[in-house]
């Protein structure tokens, strides 16, 4: 059974998200503003045809429009997974390589839609989404989103799990942030290999220095050596390669000065 009050509130939220007035919705659907007001106040429900038009106006499917939130995070997460699964794999007729690339972009857009809800204000949410970057701080931790390729959440509790850094790890970090180390990481890809000869011609790093970095990064599973699509060479390793990408992202964040912020101070 539909909770008419909750459904009306959902209609109101969708309208405000679209920056539309009740008169705007009435004109789009072909009813009076009074009818829209009654729907949003939970006095009555729109008929099937008007529901379809409302979904088209707000850009949402009817199952999402009619679904009522229970407030249970587990149920909400399951619904998100179901919607994501149906949306993404409905495109399974694409070739495998393109499907894999599109999958990442689809997930990126889905996560962005959830991430910016934390702004706490619909007006600010729309503004920040258009600008494409956001920093959030609070007692949970620090969070960042940037359309250029950074999305990260670091929980405060991580500090309790970080042990004293070993001399070997410190040495590895120094090499990763060095000009030569960053150049190697930026030259490599995470899906295809680049030959050593190609790296030498691209980077212009002294061969002995390049050998030193390639050996160090391979031993620490930052990069790996192998054969992919007929090319014997190096690529970013799936294990610790993410650490190198995080360092690269950190450098990008530190160099960028324009961004939006939201801060939540616990009572």
Protein backbone atom coordinates (compact mmCIF):
# COMPACT_ATOMS: atom_id res chain seq x y z
CA UNK A 1 0.00 0.00 0.00
CA UNK A 2 1.34 3.41 -0.98
CA UNK A 3 2.03 5.94 1.75
CA UNK A 4 0.41 8.96 0.09
CA UNK A 5 2.17 11.49 2.33
CA UNK A 6 5.60 9.95 1.65
CA UNK A 7 4.81 9.71 -2.06
CA UNK A 8 3.76 13.37 -2.13
CA UNK A 9 6.99 14.36 -0.42
CA UNK A 10 8.93 12.39 -3.03
CA UNK A 11 7.14 14.25 -5.83
CA UNK A 12 7.95 17.55 -4.14
CA UNK A 13 11.62 16.60 -3.82
CA UNK A 14 11.85 15.61 -7.49
CA UNK A 15 10.24 18.90 -8.52
CA UNK A 16 12.62 20.96 -6.39
CA UNK A 17 15.58 19.00 -7.69
CA UNK A 18 14.53 20.04 -11.20
CA UNK A 19 14.13 23.66 -10.02
CA UNK A 20 10.50 23.62 -11.18
CA UNK A 21 7.42 25.26 -9.70
CA UNK A 22 4.08 23.49 -9.33
CA UNK A 23 2.90 25.60 -12.25
CA UNK A 24 5.81 24.33 -14.38
CA UNK A 25 4.93 20.71 -13.58
CA UNK A 26 1.25 21.33 -14.22
CA UNK A 27 2.03 22.72 -17.67
CA UNK A 28 4.33 19.78 -18.50
CA UNK A 29 1.82 17.15 -17.40
CA UNK A 30 -1.31 18.93 -18.62
CA UNK A 31 -3.16 19.37 -15.34
CA UNK A 32 -3.92 22.26 -13.02
CA UNK A 33 -1.45 23.53 -10.40
CA UNK A 34 -4.07 22.59 -7.81
CA UNK A 35 -3.80 18.94 -8.91
CA UNK A 36 -0.03 19.00 -8.47
CA UNK A 37 -0.48 20.58 -5.03
CA UNK A 38 -2.90 17.81 -3.99
CA UNK A 39 -0.48 15.11 -5.16
CA UNK A 40 2.38 16.65 -3.20
CA UNK A 41 0.23 17.10 -0.08
CA UNK A 42 -0.79 13.44 -0.17
CA UNK A 43 -4.47 14.21 -0.72
CA UNK A 44 -4.74 12.01 -3.81
CA UNK A 45 -2.63 10.05 -6.29
CA UNK A 46 -2.08 10.81 -9.99
CA UNK A 47 -3.54 8.32 -12.45
CA UNK A 48 -1.35 5.98 -14.51
CA UNK A 49 -1.04 8.37 -17.45
CA UNK A 50 -0.07 11.30 -15.25
CA UNK A 51 2.42 9.09 -13.41
CA UNK A 52 4.10 8.32 -16.72
CA UNK A 53 4.25 12.01 -17.59
CA UNK A 54 5.63 12.86 -14.15
CA UNK A 55 8.37 10.28 -14.59
CA UNK A 56 9.29 11.78 -17.97
CA UNK A 57 9.24 15.30 -16.52
CA UNK A 58 11.52 14.40 -13.62
CA UNK A 59 13.71 12.04 -15.63
CA UNK A 60 13.09 8.98 -13.43
CA UNK A 61 11.55 5.59 -14.11
CA UNK A 62 8.14 4.68 -12.68
CA UNK A 63 9.56 2.00 -10.38
CA UNK A 64 11.80 4.60 -8.73
CA UNK A 65 8.98 7.12 -8.59
CA UNK A 66 6.60 4.64 -6.96
CA UNK A 67 9.13 2.98 -4.67
CA UNK A 68 8.85 4.05 -1.06
CA UNK A 69 11.96 4.39 1.09
CA UNK A 70 11.91 2.44 4.34
CA UNK A 71 14.80 4.25 6.01
CA UNK A 72 16.70 0.95 6.25
CA UNK A 73 20.19 1.39 4.80
CA UNK A 74 20.48 -2.29 3.92
CA UNK A 75 17.29 -2.18 1.87
CA UNK A 76 18.35 1.07 0.24
CA UNK A 77 21.77 -0.37 -0.65
CA UNK A 78 20.15 -3.49 -2.12
CA UNK A 79 17.87 -1.31 -4.25
CA UNK A 80 20.82 0.70 -5.51
CA UNK A 81 22.64 -2.52 -6.40
CA UNK A 82 19.59 -3.83 -8.23
CA UNK A 83 19.14 -0.62 -10.23
CA UNK A 84 22.85 -0.48 -11.01
CA UNK A 85 22.97 -4.11 -12.10
CA UNK A 86 19.95 -3.78 -14.37
CA UNK A 87 21.21 -0.51 -15.85
CA UNK A 88 24.79 -1.56 -16.50
CA UNK A 89 24.25 -5.08 -17.81
CA UNK A 90 21.40 -4.02 -20.06
CA UNK A 91 24.25 -2.81 -22.28
CA UNK A 92 25.82 -6.25 -22.57
CA UNK A 93 25.49 -6.26 -26.36
CA UNK A 94 28.63 -4.06 -26.64
CA UNK A 95 32.04 -5.56 -27.33
CA UNK A 96 33.84 -6.68 -24.18
CA UNK A 97 36.58 -4.02 -24.16
CA UNK A 98 34.17 -1.13 -24.70
CA UNK A 99 31.72 -2.59 -22.19
CA UNK A 100 34.48 -2.67 -19.57
CA UNK A 101 35.35 0.99 -20.19
CA UNK A 102 31.69 2.01 -20.15
CA UNK A 103 31.14 0.08 -16.93
CA UNK A 104 33.67 2.24 -15.14
CA UNK A 105 32.05 5.42 -16.43
CA UNK A 106 28.56 4.19 -15.52
CA UNK A 107 29.66 3.41 -11.97
CA UNK A 108 31.43 6.78 -11.76
CA UNK A 109 28.21 8.61 -12.62
CA UNK A 110 26.14 6.51 -10.21
CA UNK A 111 28.55 7.14 -7.36
CA UNK A 112 28.60 10.85 -8.13
CA UNK A 113 24.82 11.03 -7.80
CA UNK A 114 25.05 9.53 -4.30
CA UNK A 115 28.18 11.38 -3.25
CA UNK A 116 26.83 14.89 -3.77
CA UNK A 117 23.75 14.19 -1.62
CA UNK A 118 26.03 14.85 1.35
CA UNK A 119 26.17 18.55 0.48
CA UNK A 120 23.02 18.88 2.60
CA UNK A 121 21.36 21.56 0.49
CA UNK A 122 19.63 20.94 -2.83
CA UNK A 123 20.65 24.34 -4.13
CA UNK A 124 24.29 23.77 -3.20
CA UNK A 125 24.09 20.19 -4.46
CA UNK A 126 23.14 21.29 -7.96
CA UNK A 127 25.77 24.05 -7.95
CA UNK A 128 28.54 21.78 -6.74
CA UNK A 129 27.65 19.00 -9.19
CA UNK A 130 27.95 21.47 -12.07
CA UNK A 131 31.35 22.61 -10.83
CA UNK A 132 32.38 18.97 -10.58
CA UNK A 133 34.40 19.04 -7.40
CA UNK A 134 33.71 18.77 -3.70
CA UNK A 135 35.59 18.38 -0.42
CA UNK A 136 33.71 17.20 2.67
CA UNK A 137 35.07 17.09 6.22
CA UNK A 138 33.48 15.76 9.37
CA UNK A 139 33.98 13.41 12.29
CA UNK A 140 33.65 10.43 9.93
CA UNK A 141 36.71 11.54 7.98
CA UNK A 142 37.63 13.39 4.81
CA UNK A 143 36.04 12.93 1.41
CA UNK A 144 36.77 14.29 -2.04
CA UNK A 145 35.16 14.19 -5.45
CA UNK A 146 36.62 15.71 -8.60
CA UNK A 147 35.30 15.10 -12.10
CA UNK A 148 38.84 15.07 -13.49
CA UNK A 149 39.36 11.66 -11.93
CA UNK A 150 39.53 11.72 -8.13
CA UNK A 151 36.95 10.12 -5.82
CA UNK A 152 38.04 9.13 -2.34
CA UNK A 153 36.86 8.60 1.23
CA UNK A 154 39.38 8.30 4.08
CA UNK A 155 37.90 7.33 7.44
CA UNK A 156 39.33 8.81 10.61
CA UNK A 157 39.59 5.31 12.08
CA UNK A 158 42.33 4.51 9.55
CA UNK A 159 44.76 6.47 11.74
CA UNK A 160 44.42 3.80 14.43
CA UNK A 161 45.52 1.08 11.99
CA UNK A 162 48.51 2.83 10.46
CA UNK A 163 51.72 1.38 11.88
CA UNK A 164 55.12 3.00 12.00
CA UNK A 165 56.45 3.27 8.46
CA UNK A 166 59.41 1.02 7.70
CA UNK A 167 62.62 2.43 6.16
CA UNK A 168 61.87 0.41 3.02
CA UNK A 169 58.43 1.98 2.63
CA UNK A 170 59.85 5.46 3.22
CA UNK A 171 62.46 4.86 0.52
CA UNK A 172 59.77 3.63 -1.88
CA UNK A 173 57.59 6.68 -1.21
CA UNK A 174 60.54 9.02 -1.84
CA UNK A 175 61.12 7.40 -5.22
CA UNK A 176 57.43 7.50 -6.15
CA UNK A 177 57.24 11.26 -5.54
CA UNK A 178 60.56 11.97 -7.25
CA UNK A 179 60.39 13.60 -10.72
CA UNK A 180 61.69 10.41 -12.38
CA UNK A 181 59.36 8.16 -10.37
CA UNK A 182 56.29 10.25 -11.20
CA UNK A 183 57.31 10.32 -14.86
CA UNK A 184 57.45 6.51 -14.96
CA UNK A 185 54.04 6.12 -13.29
CA UNK A 186 52.42 8.67 -15.60
CA UNK A 187 53.91 6.95 -18.66
CA UNK A 188 52.45 3.54 -17.76
CA UNK A 189 48.88 2.31 -18.16
CA UNK A 190 46.79 0.00 -16.00
CA UNK A 191 45.48 -2.17 -18.84
CA UNK A 192 48.16 -2.45 -21.53
CA UNK A 193 51.94 -2.86 -21.45
CA UNK A 194 54.62 -0.45 -22.66
CA UNK A 195 57.98 -1.83 -23.72
CA UNK A 196 61.18 -0.74 -22.01
CA UNK A 197 62.49 0.69 -25.28
CA UNK A 198 59.34 2.78 -25.63
CA UNK A 199 59.72 4.04 -22.06
CA UNK A 200 63.34 5.01 -22.70
CA UNK A 201 62.41 7.01 -25.80
CA UNK A 202 59.42 8.68 -24.14
CA UNK A 203 61.02 9.64 -20.85
CA UNK A 204 64.63 10.37 -21.69
CA UNK A 205 65.70 9.12 -18.25
CA UNK A 206 69.24 7.77 -17.90
CA UNK A 207 69.02 4.00 -18.63
CA UNK A 208 70.65 2.99 -15.34
CA UNK A 209 68.27 5.23 -13.40
CA UNK A 210 65.28 3.84 -15.31
CA UNK A 211 66.42 0.27 -14.59
CA UNK A 212 66.71 1.13 -10.90
CA UNK A 213 63.14 2.48 -10.76
CA UNK A 214 61.63 -0.33 -12.81
CA UNK A 215 63.25 -2.93 -10.54
CA UNK A 216 62.17 -1.15 -7.35
CA UNK A 217 58.59 -0.66 -8.51
CA UNK A 218 58.32 -4.23 -9.81
CA UNK A 219 59.65 -5.73 -6.56
CA UNK A 220 57.06 -3.74 -4.60
CA UNK A 221 54.22 -4.63 -7.01
CA UNK A 222 53.69 -1.02 -8.03
CA UNK A 223 54.18 -2.15 -11.62
CA UNK A 224 54.43 -5.55 -13.30
CA UNK A 225 56.26 -6.97 -16.28
CA UNK A 226 54.52 -9.24 -18.74
CA UNK A 227 53.05 -9.86 -22.18
CA UNK A 228 49.76 -8.18 -23.12
CA UNK A 229 48.38 -8.12 -26.68
CA UNK A 230 51.75 -9.13 -28.07
CA UNK A 231 53.71 -6.38 -26.28
CA UNK A 232 56.30 -7.42 -23.69
CA UNK A 233 56.65 -4.63 -21.20
CA UNK A 234 55.45 -2.88 -18.06
CA UNK A 235 52.08 -1.77 -16.73
CA UNK A 236 50.58 -0.62 -13.44
CA UNK A 237 50.10 -3.55 -11.03
CA UNK A 238 46.63 -4.14 -9.61
CA UNK A 239 48.03 -4.72 -6.11
CA UNK A 240 50.03 -1.67 -4.99
CA UNK A 241 49.66 0.34 -8.18
CA UNK A 242 46.71 2.09 -6.56
CA UNK A 243 49.20 3.66 -4.09
CA UNK A 244 51.06 5.26 -7.00
CA UNK A 245 47.77 6.55 -8.42
CA UNK A 246 46.84 7.96 -4.99
CA UNK A 247 50.15 9.84 -4.86
CA UNK A 248 49.49 11.17 -8.35
CA UNK A 249 46.00 12.23 -7.25
CA UNK A 250 47.42 13.90 -4.13
CA UNK A 251 49.76 15.99 -6.28
CA UNK A 252 46.79 17.00 -8.44
CA UNK A 253 44.73 17.96 -5.38
CA UNK A 254 47.53 20.06 -3.87
CA UNK A 255 48.01 21.97 -7.12
CA UNK A 256 44.29 22.74 -7.51
CA UNK A 257 43.03 25.78 -5.61
CA UNK A 258 39.41 26.12 -6.77
CA UNK A 259 36.91 23.73 -5.22
CA UNK A 260 33.75 23.66 -3.12
CA UNK A 261 33.66 22.52 0.49
CA UNK A 262 31.13 21.24 3.01
CA UNK A 263 31.90 20.79 6.67
CA UNK A 264 29.90 18.94 9.32
CA UNK A 265 30.68 19.82 12.91
CA UNK A 266 29.41 17.29 15.48
CA UNK A 267 27.19 18.73 18.24
